[in-house]
Amino acid sequence: MNYQKIYDDIVNRGKTRILEGYTEKHHIIPKCMGGTDEECNLVKLTAREHFLVHAFLCEIYPSNKKLHFAFWSMSNLRGEQHERNYKIGSRLYEYHPTEK
């Protein structure tokens, strides 16, 4: 499966549309890889898309522990400013440990 192509397709679609309702900002180039908070490096995604692109980043860069930690955090941590309701199964949880 070409995770990079899927990632790029989701990000590019996010750049050209207007979403209604809840969205999450995603760093196109992750901050742990030198990305910035500049508007050109941010894209609004649905919560589901945001979850998926982080899973794809873990596949694209399997040795980047910071990406795995970011994915784990968004899967497990909750905050008042987020309406996340991710529910991941044990297989996905096992597959993306923070100590890969």
Protein backbone atom coordinates (compact mmCIF):
# COMPACT_ATOMS: atom_id res chain seq x y z
CA MET A 1 0.00 0.00 0.00
CA ASN A 2 1.36 3.44 -0.91
CA TYR A 3 0.90 5.31 2.37
CA GLN A 4 2.69 8.40 1.07
CA LYS A 5 0.22 8.76 -1.81
CA ILE A 6 -2.77 8.33 0.48
CA TYR A 7 -1.29 10.85 2.94
CA ASP A 8 -0.65 13.36 0.14
CA ASP A 9 -4.16 12.88 -1.29
CA ILE A 10 -5.82 13.58 2.09
CA VAL A 11 -3.63 16.62 2.77
CA ASN A 12 -4.12 18.07 -0.73
CA ARG A 13 -7.89 17.60 -0.50
CA GLY A 14 -7.83 19.35 2.88
CA LYS A 15 -6.07 22.36 1.37
CA THR A 16 -8.79 23.05 -1.17
CA ARG A 17 -12.06 22.55 0.68
CA ILE A 18 -14.04 24.24 3.40
CA LEU A 19 -15.21 22.02 6.24
CA GLU A 20 -18.24 22.73 8.38
CA GLY A 21 -18.23 21.73 12.03
CA TYR A 22 -15.41 20.27 14.07
CA THR A 23 -11.95 20.22 12.47
CA GLU A 24 -8.43 19.61 13.62
CA LYS A 25 -5.29 21.36 12.40
CA HIS A 26 -2.59 19.08 11.06
CA HIS A 27 1.06 19.97 10.46
CA ILE A 28 1.80 18.85 6.91
CA ILE A 29 5.48 18.54 7.77
CA PRO A 30 5.43 17.38 11.39
CA LYS A 31 7.10 19.67 13.90
CA CYS A 32 9.39 16.82 14.97
CA MET A 33 10.66 16.75 11.37
CA GLY A 34 11.30 20.48 11.10
CA GLY A 35 7.78 21.69 10.29
CA THR A 36 6.56 25.05 11.53
CA ASP A 37 3.32 26.59 12.74
CA GLU A 38 3.13 28.76 9.61
CA GLU A 39 -0.22 28.74 7.81
CA CYS A 40 1.35 27.13 4.71
CA ASN A 41 2.26 24.08 6.83
CA LEU A 42 -1.19 23.64 8.36
CA VAL A 43 -4.29 22.01 6.95
CA LYS A 44 -7.75 21.51 8.47
CA LEU A 45 -8.88 17.89 8.54
CA THR A 46 -11.78 15.98 10.00
CA ALA A 47 -10.95 14.10 13.20
CA ARG A 48 -11.01 10.81 11.27
CA GLU A 49 -8.68 12.13 8.57
CA HIS A 50 -6.32 13.51 11.22
CA PHE A 51 -6.20 10.14 12.95
CA LEU A 52 -5.53 8.34 9.66
CA VAL A 53 -2.76 10.67 8.45
CA HIS A 54 -0.93 10.18 11.74
CA ALA A 55 -1.22 6.41 11.35
CA PHE A 56 0.13 6.75 7.79
CA LEU A 57 3.04 8.89 8.99
CA CYS A 58 4.00 6.05 11.34
CA GLU A 59 4.03 3.70 8.35
CA ILE A 60 6.01 6.10 6.16
CA TYR A 61 8.60 6.84 8.88
CA PRO A 62 8.63 3.70 11.07
CA SER A 63 11.79 4.61 12.99
CA ASN A 64 10.59 8.09 14.05
CA LYS A 65 9.63 7.58 17.70
CA LYS A 66 8.20 11.11 17.98
CA LEU A 67 5.64 10.35 15.27
CA HIS A 68 4.64 7.16 17.08
CA PHE A 69 4.30 9.11 20.33
CA ALA A 70 2.15 11.75 18.61
CA PHE A 71 -0.11 9.02 17.23
CA TRP A 72 -0.34 7.33 20.63
CA SER A 73 -1.10 10.66 22.32
CA MET A 74 -3.90 11.59 19.97
CA SER A 75 -5.33 8.10 20.40
CA ASN A 76 -5.27 8.13 24.19
CA LEU A 77 -5.17 11.65 25.61
CA ARG A 78 -8.26 13.79 25.92
CA GLY A 79 -8.60 17.52 26.41
CA GLU A 80 -11.38 20.02 26.78
CA GLN A 81 -10.54 21.71 23.47
CA HIS A 82 -10.87 18.46 21.50
CA GLU A 83 -13.97 16.54 20.55
CA ARG A 84 -11.99 13.41 19.83
CA ASN A 85 -13.73 10.14 20.34
CA TYR A 86 -11.19 7.77 18.87
CA LYS A 87 -11.55 4.18 19.93
CA ILE A 88 -8.68 2.03 18.87
CA GLY A 89 -8.55 -1.71 19.22
CA SER A 90 -5.81 -3.71 20.86
CA ARG A 91 -4.19 -4.69 17.55
CA LEU A 92 -3.74 -1.08 16.46
CA TYR A 93 -2.58 -0.12 19.95
CA GLU A 94 0.00 -2.94 19.89
CA TYR A 95 1.09 -2.09 16.36
CA HIS A 96 1.96 1.53 17.20
CA PRO A 97 3.72 1.42 20.54
CA THR A 98 5.63 4.47 21.74
CA GLU A 99 8.85 2.47 22.06
CA LYS A 100 9.12 1.11 18.52
